[in-house]
Amino acid sequence: GCDGEQVDRPAAGTTVRDLMAMLAA
């Protein structure tokens, strides 16, 4: 429902897959 957003940069070592899981939650 949006074309983008700003989030806090994730912790060191976070992968794209990890970030996607955090967003999906």
mmCIF file of all heavy atoms, coordinates in Angstrom:
data_MODEL
# 
_entry.id   MODEL 
# 
loop_
_atom_site.group_PDB 
_atom_site.id 
_atom_site.type_symbol 
_atom_site.label_atom_id 
_atom_site.label_alt_id 
_atom_site.label_comp_id 
_atom_site.label_asym_id 
_atom_site.label_entity_id 
_atom_site.label_seq_id 
_atom_site.pdbx_PDB_ins_code 
_atom_site.Cartn_x 
_atom_site.Cartn_y 
_atom_site.Cartn_z 
_atom_site.occupancy 
_atom_site.B_iso_or_equiv 
_atom_site.pdbx_formal_charge 
_atom_site.auth_seq_id 
_atom_site.auth_comp_id 
_atom_site.auth_asym_id 
_atom_site.auth_atom_id 
_atom_site.pdbx_PDB_model_num 
ATOM 1   N N   . GLY A 1 1  ? 0.782  -1.230  0.000  1.00 0.00 ? 1  GLY A N   1 
ATOM 2   C CA  . GLY A 1 1  ? 0.000  0.000   0.000  1.00 0.00 ? 1  GLY A CA  1 
ATOM 3   C C   . GLY A 1 1  ? 0.810  1.275   0.000  1.00 0.00 ? 1  GLY A C   1 
ATOM 4   O O   . GLY A 1 1  ? 0.269  2.362   0.206  1.00 0.00 ? 1  GLY A O   1 
ATOM 5   N N   . CYS A 1 2  ? 2.113  1.165   -0.239 1.00 0.00 ? 2  CYS A N   1 
ATOM 6   C CA  . CYS A 1 2  ? 2.947  2.361   -0.367 1.00 0.00 ? 2  CYS A CA  1 
ATOM 7   C C   . CYS A 1 2  ? 4.149  2.017   -1.243 1.00 0.00 ? 2  CYS A C   1 
ATOM 8   O O   . CYS A 1 2  ? 4.481  0.854   -1.424 1.00 0.00 ? 2  CYS A O   1 
ATOM 9   C CB  . CYS A 1 2  ? 3.387  2.901   0.989  1.00 0.00 ? 2  CYS A CB  1 
ATOM 10  S SG  . CYS A 1 2  ? 4.494  1.832   1.918  1.00 0.00 ? 2  CYS A SG  1 
ATOM 11  N N   . ASP A 1 3  ? 4.783  3.058   -1.780 1.00 0.00 ? 3  ASP A N   1 
ATOM 12  C CA  . ASP A 1 3  ? 5.927  2.796   -2.652 1.00 0.00 ? 3  ASP A CA  1 
ATOM 13  C C   . ASP A 1 3  ? 7.258  2.813   -1.921 1.00 0.00 ? 3  ASP A C   1 
ATOM 14  O O   . ASP A 1 3  ? 8.294  2.503   -2.500 1.00 0.00 ? 3  ASP A O   1 
ATOM 15  C CB  . ASP A 1 3  ? 5.953  3.754   -3.840 1.00 0.00 ? 3  ASP A CB  1 
ATOM 16  C CG  . ASP A 1 3  ? 6.055  5.209   -3.434 1.00 0.00 ? 3  ASP A CG  1 
ATOM 17  O OD1 . ASP A 1 3  ? 6.117  5.503   -2.223 1.00 0.00 ? 3  ASP A OD1 1 
ATOM 18  O OD2 . ASP A 1 3  ? 6.063  6.069   -4.338 1.00 0.00 ? 3  ASP A OD2 1 
ATOM 19  N N   . GLY A 1 4  ? 7.227  3.146   -0.644 1.00 0.00 ? 4  GLY A N   1 
ATOM 20  C CA  . GLY A 1 4  ? 8.468  3.128   0.117  1.00 0.00 ? 4  GLY A CA  1 
ATOM 21  C C   . GLY A 1 4  ? 8.272  3.666   1.520  1.00 0.00 ? 4  GLY A C   1 
ATOM 22  O O   . GLY A 1 4  ? 7.212  4.180   1.867  1.00 0.00 ? 4  GLY A O   1 
ATOM 23  N N   . GLU A 1 5  ? 9.333  3.522   2.317  1.00 0.00 ? 5  GLU A N   1 
ATOM 24  C CA  . GLU A 1 5  ? 9.300  4.005   3.688  1.00 0.00 ? 5  GLU A CA  1 
ATOM 25  C C   . GLU A 1 5  ? 10.726 4.116   4.214  1.00 0.00 ? 5  GLU A C   1 
ATOM 26  O O   . GLU A 1 5  ? 11.667 3.598   3.625  1.00 0.00 ? 5  GLU A O   1 
ATOM 27  C CB  . GLU A 1 5  ? 8.477  3.083   4.574  1.00 0.00 ? 5  GLU A CB  1 
ATOM 28  C CG  . GLU A 1 5  ? 9.011  1.660   4.658  1.00 0.00 ? 5  GLU A CG  1 
ATOM 29  C CD  . GLU A 1 5  ? 8.092  0.752   5.460  1.00 0.00 ? 5  GLU A CD  1 
ATOM 30  O OE1 . GLU A 1 5  ? 7.807  1.088   6.628  1.00 0.00 ? 5  GLU A OE1 1 
ATOM 31  O OE2 . GLU A 1 5  ? 7.671  -0.279  4.909  1.00 0.00 ? 5  GLU A OE2 1 
ATOM 32  N N   . GLN A 1 6  ? 10.845 4.802   5.320  1.00 0.00 ? 6  GLN A N   1 
ATOM 33  C CA  . GLN A 1 6  ? 12.115 4.936   6.030  1.00 0.00 ? 6  GLN A CA  1 
ATOM 34  C C   . GLN A 1 6  ? 12.033 4.103   7.301  1.00 0.00 ? 6  GLN A C   1 
ATOM 35  O O   . GLN A 1 6  ? 11.033 4.177   8.020  1.00 0.00 ? 6  GLN A O   1 
ATOM 36  C CB  . GLN A 1 6  ? 12.368 6.391   6.418  1.00 0.00 ? 6  GLN A CB  1 
ATOM 37  C CG  . GLN A 1 6  ? 12.507 7.346   5.265  1.00 0.00 ? 6  GLN A CG  1 
ATOM 38  C CD  . GLN A 1 6  ? 13.880 7.281   4.645  1.00 0.00 ? 6  GLN A CD  1 
ATOM 39  O OE1 . GLN A 1 6  ? 14.870 7.140   5.333  1.00 0.00 ? 6  GLN A OE1 1 
ATOM 40  N NE2 . GLN A 1 6  ? 13.932 7.393   3.339  1.00 0.00 ? 6  GLN A NE2 1 
ATOM 41  N N   . VAL A 1 7  ? 13.055 3.312   7.561  1.00 0.00 ? 7  VAL A N   1 
ATOM 42  C CA  . VAL A 1 7  ? 13.125 2.532   8.796  1.00 0.00 ? 7  VAL A CA  1 
ATOM 43  C C   . VAL A 1 7  ? 14.498 2.749   9.426  1.00 0.00 ? 7  VAL A C   1 
ATOM 44  O O   . VAL A 1 7  ? 15.444 3.159   8.743  1.00 0.00 ? 7  VAL A O   1 
ATOM 45  C CB  . VAL A 1 7  ? 12.887 1.016   8.550  1.00 0.00 ? 7  VAL A CB  1 
ATOM 46  C CG1 . VAL A 1 7  ? 11.508 0.771   7.964  1.00 0.00 ? 7  VAL A CG1 1 
ATOM 47  C CG2 . VAL A 1 7  ? 13.962 0.427   7.669  1.00 0.00 ? 7  VAL A CG2 1 
ATOM 48  N N   . ASP A 1 8  ? 14.593 2.475   10.719 1.00 0.00 ? 8  ASP A N   1 
ATOM 49  C CA  . ASP A 1 8  ? 15.900 2.521   11.363 1.00 0.00 ? 8  ASP A CA  1 
ATOM 50  C C   . ASP A 1 8  ? 16.777 1.441   10.743 1.00 0.00 ? 8  ASP A C   1 
ATOM 51  O O   . ASP A 1 8  ? 16.313 0.329   10.479 1.00 0.00 ? 8  ASP A O   1 
ATOM 52  C CB  . ASP A 1 8  ? 15.775 2.267   12.863 1.00 0.00 ? 8  ASP A CB  1 
ATOM 53  C CG  . ASP A 1 8  ? 15.121 3.426   13.590 1.00 0.00 ? 8  ASP A CG  1 
ATOM 54  O OD1 . ASP A 1 8  ? 15.143 4.565   13.070 1.00 0.00 ? 8  ASP A OD1 1 
ATOM 55  O OD2 . ASP A 1 8  ? 14.575 3.194   14.687 1.00 0.00 ? 8  ASP A OD2 1 
ATOM 56  N N   . ARG A 1 9  ? 18.015 1.769   10.486 1.00 0.00 ? 9  ARG A N   1 
ATOM 57  C CA  . ARG A 1 9  ? 18.934 0.785   9.925  1.00 0.00 ? 9  ARG A CA  1 
ATOM 58  C C   . ARG A 1 9  ? 19.033 -0.393  10.891 1.00 0.00 ? 9  ARG A C   1 
ATOM 59  O O   . ARG A 1 9  ? 19.181 -0.212  12.093 1.00 0.00 ? 9  ARG A O   1 
ATOM 60  C CB  . ARG A 1 9  ? 20.311 1.413   9.689  1.00 0.00 ? 9  ARG A CB  1 
ATOM 61  C CG  . ARG A 1 9  ? 21.207 0.486   8.884  1.00 0.00 ? 9  ARG A CG  1 
ATOM 62  C CD  . ARG A 1 9  ? 22.485 1.142   8.403  1.00 0.00 ? 9  ARG A CD  1 
ATOM 63  N NE  . ARG A 1 9  ? 22.183 2.120   7.388  1.00 0.00 ? 9  ARG A NE  1 
ATOM 64  C CZ  . ARG A 1 9  ? 22.729 3.334   7.349  1.00 0.00 ? 9  ARG A CZ  1 
ATOM 65  N NH1 . ARG A 1 9  ? 23.593 3.698   8.253  1.00 0.00 ? 9  ARG A NH1 1 
ATOM 66  N NH2 . ARG A 1 9  ? 22.416 4.176   6.395  1.00 0.00 ? 9  ARG A NH2 1 
ATOM 67  N N   . PRO A 1 10 ? 18.923 -1.614  10.365 1.00 0.00 ? 10 PRO A N   1 
ATOM 68  C CA  . PRO A 1 10 ? 18.942 -2.784  11.253 1.00 0.00 ? 10 PRO A CA  1 
ATOM 69  C C   . PRO A 1 10 ? 20.319 -3.016  11.873 1.00 0.00 ? 10 PRO A C   1 
ATOM 70  O O   . PRO A 1 10 ? 21.326 -2.461  11.427 1.00 0.00 ? 10 PRO A O   1 
ATOM 71  C CB  . PRO A 1 10 ? 18.546 -3.937  10.329 1.00 0.00 ? 10 PRO A CB  1 
ATOM 72  C CG  . PRO A 1 10 ? 18.909 -3.482  8.964  1.00 0.00 ? 10 PRO A CG  1 
ATOM 73  C CD  . PRO A 1 10 ? 18.756 -1.986  8.957  1.00 0.00 ? 10 PRO A CD  1 
ATOM 74  N N   . ALA A 1 11 ? 20.333 -3.866  12.865 1.00 0.00 ? 11 ALA A N   1 
ATOM 75  C CA  . ALA A 1 11 ? 21.565 -4.202  13.583 1.00 0.00 ? 11 ALA A CA  1 
ATOM 76  C C   . ALA A 1 11 ? 22.606 -4.797  12.641 1.00 0.00 ? 11 ALA A C   1 
ATOM 77  O O   . ALA A 1 11 ? 22.269 -5.375  11.597 1.00 0.00 ? 11 ALA A O   1 
ATOM 78  C CB  . ALA A 1 11 ? 21.256 -5.199  14.698 1.00 0.00 ? 11 ALA A CB  1 
ATOM 79  N N   . ALA A 1 12 ? 23.865 -4.672  13.024 1.00 0.00 ? 12 ALA A N   1 
ATOM 80  C CA  . ALA A 1 12 ? 24.966 -5.238  12.242 1.00 0.00 ? 12 ALA A CA  1 
ATOM 81  C C   . ALA A 1 12 ? 24.726 -6.721  12.009 1.00 0.00 ? 12 ALA A C   1 
ATOM 82  O O   . ALA A 1 12 ? 24.268 -7.433  12.908 1.00 0.00 ? 12 ALA A O   1 
ATOM 83  C CB  . ALA A 1 12 ? 26.291 -5.022  12.971 1.00 0.00 ? 12 ALA A CB  1 
ATOM 84  N N   . GLY A 1 13 ? 24.997 -7.172  10.808 1.00 0.00 ? 13 GLY A N   1 
ATOM 85  C CA  . GLY A 1 13 ? 24.854 -8.576  10.464 1.00 0.00 ? 13 GLY A CA  1 
ATOM 86  C C   . GLY A 1 13 ? 23.482 -8.960  9.949  1.00 0.00 ? 13 GLY A C   1 
ATOM 87  O O   . GLY A 1 13 ? 23.276 -10.095 9.519  1.00 0.00 ? 13 GLY A O   1 
ATOM 88  N N   . THR A 1 14 ? 22.524 -8.034  9.979  1.00 0.00 ? 14 THR A N   1 
ATOM 89  C CA  . THR A 1 14 ? 21.176 -8.321  9.484  1.00 0.00 ? 14 THR A CA  1 
ATOM 90  C C   . THR A 1 14 ? 21.207 -8.477  7.970  1.00 0.00 ? 14 THR A C   1 
ATOM 91  O O   . THR A 1 14 ? 21.750 -7.628  7.264  1.00 0.00 ? 14 THR A O   1 
ATOM 92  C CB  . THR A 1 14 ? 20.197 -7.193  9.871  1.00 0.00 ? 14 THR A CB  1 
ATOM 93  O OG1 . THR A 1 14 ? 20.176 -7.063  11.287 1.00 0.00 ? 14 THR A OG1 1 
ATOM 94  C CG2 . THR A 1 14 ? 18.797 -7.458  9.349  1.00 0.00 ? 14 THR A CG2 1 
ATOM 95  N N   . THR A 1 15 ? 20.631 -9.553  7.480  1.00 0.00 ? 15 THR A N   1 
ATOM 96  C CA  . THR A 1 15 ? 20.572 -9.782  6.032  1.00 0.00 ? 15 THR A CA  1 
ATOM 97  C C   . THR A 1 15 ? 19.274 -9.210  5.470  1.00 0.00 ? 15 THR A C   1 
ATOM 98  O O   . THR A 1 15 ? 18.338 -8.887  6.203  1.00 0.00 ? 15 THR A O   1 
ATOM 99  C CB  . THR A 1 15 ? 20.634 -11.284 5.700  1.00 0.00 ? 15 THR A CB  1 
ATOM 100 O OG1 . THR A 1 15 ? 19.441 -11.914 6.202  1.00 0.00 ? 15 THR A OG1 1 
ATOM 101 C CG2 . THR A 1 15 ? 21.879 -11.941 6.275  1.00 0.00 ? 15 THR A CG2 1 
ATOM 102 N N   . VAL A 1 16 ? 19.219 -9.128  4.156  1.00 0.00 ? 16 VAL A N   1 
ATOM 103 C CA  . VAL A 1 16 ? 17.991 -8.700  3.481  1.00 0.00 ? 16 VAL A CA  1 
ATOM 104 C C   . VAL A 1 16 ? 16.848 -9.635  3.882  1.00 0.00 ? 16 VAL A C   1 
ATOM 105 O O   . VAL A 1 16 ? 15.750 -9.182  4.207  1.00 0.00 ? 16 VAL A O   1 
ATOM 106 C CB  . VAL A 1 16 ? 18.191 -8.679  1.950  1.00 0.00 ? 16 VAL A CB  1 
ATOM 107 C CG1 . VAL A 1 16 ? 16.877 -8.444  1.236  1.00 0.00 ? 16 VAL A CG1 1 
ATOM 108 C CG2 . VAL A 1 16 ? 19.227 -7.630  1.550  1.00 0.00 ? 16 VAL A CG2 1 
ATOM 109 N N   . ARG A 1 17 ? 17.100 -10.925 3.893  1.00 0.00 ? 17 ARG A N   1 
ATOM 110 C CA  . ARG A 1 17 ? 16.075 -11.907 4.273  1.00 0.00 ? 17 ARG A CA  1 
ATOM 111 C C   . ARG A 1 17 ? 15.588 -11.658 5.711  1.00 0.00 ? 17 ARG A C   1 
ATOM 112 O O   . ARG A 1 17 ? 14.386 -11.709 5.984  1.00 0.00 ? 17 ARG A O   1 
ATOM 113 C CB  . ARG A 1 17 ? 16.643 -13.324 4.151  1.00 0.00 ? 17 ARG A CB  1 
ATOM 114 C CG  . ARG A 1 17 ? 15.643 -14.428 4.377  1.00 0.00 ? 17 ARG A CG  1 
ATOM 115 C CD  . ARG A 1 17 ? 16.296 -15.807 4.286  1.00 0.00 ? 17 ARG A CD  1 
ATOM 116 N NE  . ARG A 1 17 ? 17.127 -15.990 3.116  1.00 0.00 ? 17 ARG A NE  1 
ATOM 117 C CZ  . ARG A 1 17 ? 16.683 -16.392 1.923  1.00 0.00 ? 17 ARG A CZ  1 
ATOM 118 N NH1 . ARG A 1 17 ? 15.405 -16.660 1.755  1.00 0.00 ? 17 ARG A NH1 1 
ATOM 119 N NH2 . ARG A 1 17 ? 17.522 -16.553 0.915  1.00 0.00 ? 17 ARG A NH2 1 
ATOM 120 N N   . ASP A 1 18 ? 16.518 -11.371 6.640  1.00 0.00 ? 18 ASP A N   1 
ATOM 121 C CA  . ASP A 1 18 ? 16.148 -11.071 8.027  1.00 0.00 ? 18 ASP A CA  1 
ATOM 122 C C   . ASP A 1 18 ? 15.244 -9.840  8.091  1.00 0.00 ? 18 ASP A C   1 
ATOM 123 O O   . ASP A 1 18 ? 14.238 -9.830  8.806  1.00 0.00 ? 18 ASP A O   1 
ATOM 124 C CB  . ASP A 1 18 ? 17.387 -10.789 8.888  1.00 0.00 ? 18 ASP A CB  1 
ATOM 125 C CG  . ASP A 1 18 ? 18.330 -11.958 9.037  1.00 0.00 ? 18 ASP A CG  1 
ATOM 126 O OD1 . ASP A 1 18 ? 17.884 -13.122 8.905  1.00 0.00 ? 18 ASP A OD1 1 
ATOM 127 O OD2 . ASP A 1 18 ? 19.531 -11.696 9.296  1.00 0.00 ? 18 ASP A OD2 1 
ATOM 128 N N   . LEU A 1 19 ? 15.623 -8.809  7.355  1.00 0.00 ? 19 LEU A N   1 
ATOM 129 C CA  . LEU A 1 19 ? 14.848 -7.568  7.362  1.00 0.00 ? 19 LEU A CA  1 
ATOM 130 C C   . LEU A 1 19 ? 13.458 -7.801  6.786  1.00 0.00 ? 19 LEU A C   1 
ATOM 131 O O   . LEU A 1 19 ? 12.458 -7.298  7.310  1.00 0.00 ? 19 LEU A O   1 
ATOM 132 C CB  . LEU A 1 19 ? 15.590 -6.474  6.600  1.00 0.00 ? 19 LEU A CB  1 
ATOM 133 C CG  . LEU A 1 19 ? 14.917 -5.106  6.569  1.00 0.00 ? 19 LEU A CG  1 
ATOM 134 C CD1 . LEU A 1 19 ? 14.620 -4.598  7.974  1.00 0.00 ? 19 LEU A CD1 1 
ATOM 135 C CD2 . LEU A 1 19 ? 15.784 -4.113  5.810  1.00 0.00 ? 19 LEU A CD2 1 
ATOM 136 N N   . MET A 1 20 ? 13.374 -8.604  5.731  1.00 0.00 ? 20 MET A N   1 
ATOM 137 C CA  . MET A 1 20 ? 12.076 -8.915  5.149  1.00 0.00 ? 20 MET A CA  1 
ATOM 138 C C   . MET A 1 20 ? 11.200 -9.641  6.177  1.00 0.00 ? 20 MET A C   1 
ATOM 139 O O   . MET A 1 20 ? 10.000 -9.362  6.276  1.00 0.00 ? 20 MET A O   1 
ATOM 140 C CB  . MET A 1 20 ? 12.249 -9.750  3.885  1.00 0.00 ? 20 MET A CB  1 
ATOM 141 C CG  . MET A 1 20 ? 12.848 -8.957  2.736  1.00 0.00 ? 20 MET A CG  1 
ATOM 142 S SD  . MET A 1 20 ? 13.285 -9.978  1.321  1.00 0.00 ? 20 MET A SD  1 
ATOM 143 C CE  . MET A 1 20 ? 11.665 -10.477 0.758  1.00 0.00 ? 20 MET A CE  1 
ATOM 144 N N   . ALA A 1 21 ? 11.779 -10.537 6.950  1.00 0.00 ? 21 ALA A N   1 
ATOM 145 C CA  . ALA A 1 21 ? 11.018 -11.250 7.986  1.00 0.00 ? 21 ALA A CA  1 
ATOM 146 C C   . ALA A 1 21 ? 10.534 -10.282 9.062  1.00 0.00 ? 21 ALA A C   1 
ATOM 147 O O   . ALA A 1 21 ? 9.394  -10.392 9.540  1.00 0.00 ? 21 ALA A O   1 
ATOM 148 C CB  . ALA A 1 21 ? 11.869 -12.362 8.599  1.00 0.00 ? 21 ALA A CB  1 
ATOM 149 N N   . MET A 1 22 ? 11.365 -9.324  9.447  1.00 0.00 ? 22 MET A N   1 
ATOM 150 C CA  . MET A 1 22 ? 10.969 -8.329  10.444 1.00 0.00 ? 22 MET A CA  1 
ATOM 151 C C   . MET A 1 22 ? 9.804  -7.488  9.921  1.00 0.00 ? 22 MET A C   1 
ATOM 152 O O   . MET A 1 22 ? 8.849  -7.208  10.655 1.00 0.00 ? 22 MET A O   1 
ATOM 153 C CB  . MET A 1 22 ? 12.144 -7.435  10.821 1.00 0.00 ? 22 MET A CB  1 
ATOM 154 C CG  . MET A 1 22 ? 13.187 -8.132  11.669 1.00 0.00 ? 22 MET A CG  1 
ATOM 155 S SD  . MET A 1 22 ? 14.490 -6.998  12.205 1.00 0.00 ? 22 MET A SD  1 
ATOM 156 C CE  . MET A 1 22 ? 15.747 -7.332  10.996 1.00 0.00 ? 22 MET A CE  1 
ATOM 157 N N   . LEU A 1 23 ? 9.885  -7.098  8.661  1.00 0.00 ? 23 LEU A N   1 
ATOM 158 C CA  . LEU A 1 23 ? 8.808  -6.310  8.066  1.00 0.00 ? 23 LEU A CA  1 
ATOM 159 C C   . LEU A 1 23 ? 7.529  -7.139  7.955  1.00 0.00 ? 23 LEU A C   1 
ATOM 160 O O   . LEU A 1 23 ? 6.437  -6.646  8.237  1.00 0.00 ? 23 LEU A O   1 
ATOM 161 C CB  . LEU A 1 23 ? 9.225  -5.780  6.692  1.00 0.00 ? 23 LEU A CB  1 
ATOM 162 C CG  . LEU A 1 23 ? 10.346 -4.749  6.688  1.00 0.00 ? 23 LEU A CG  1 
ATOM 163 C CD1 . LEU A 1 23 ? 10.862 -4.520  5.277  1.00 0.00 ? 23 LEU A CD1 1 
ATOM 164 C CD2 . LEU A 1 23 ? 9.871  -3.443  7.311  1.00 0.00 ? 23 LEU A CD2 1 
ATOM 165 N N   . ALA A 1 24 ? 7.659  -8.396  7.547  1.00 0.00 ? 24 ALA A N   1 
ATOM 166 C CA  . ALA A 1 24 ? 6.487  -9.272  7.398  1.00 0.00 ? 24 ALA A CA  1 
ATOM 167 C C   . ALA A 1 24 ? 5.758  -9.440  8.728  1.00 0.00 ? 24 ALA A C   1 
ATOM 168 O O   . ALA A 1 24 ? 4.535  -9.607  8.753  1.00 0.00 ? 24 ALA A O   1 
ATOM 169 C CB  . ALA A 1 24 ? 6.903  -10.623 6.832  1.00 0.00 ? 24 ALA A CB  1 
ATOM 170 N N   . ALA A 1 25 ? 6.496  -9.369  9.836  1.00 0.00 ? 25 ALA A N   1 
ATOM 171 C CA  . ALA A 1 25 ? 5.892  -9.541  11.157 1.00 0.00 ? 25 ALA A CA  1 
ATOM 172 C C   . ALA A 1 25 ? 5.000  -8.361  11.554 1.00 0.00 ? 25 ALA A C   1 
ATOM 173 O O   . ALA A 1 25 ? 4.258  -8.450  12.539 1.00 0.00 ? 25 ALA A O   1 
ATOM 174 C CB  . ALA A 1 25 ? 6.988  -9.742  12.207 1.00 0.00 ? 25 ALA A CB  1 
# 
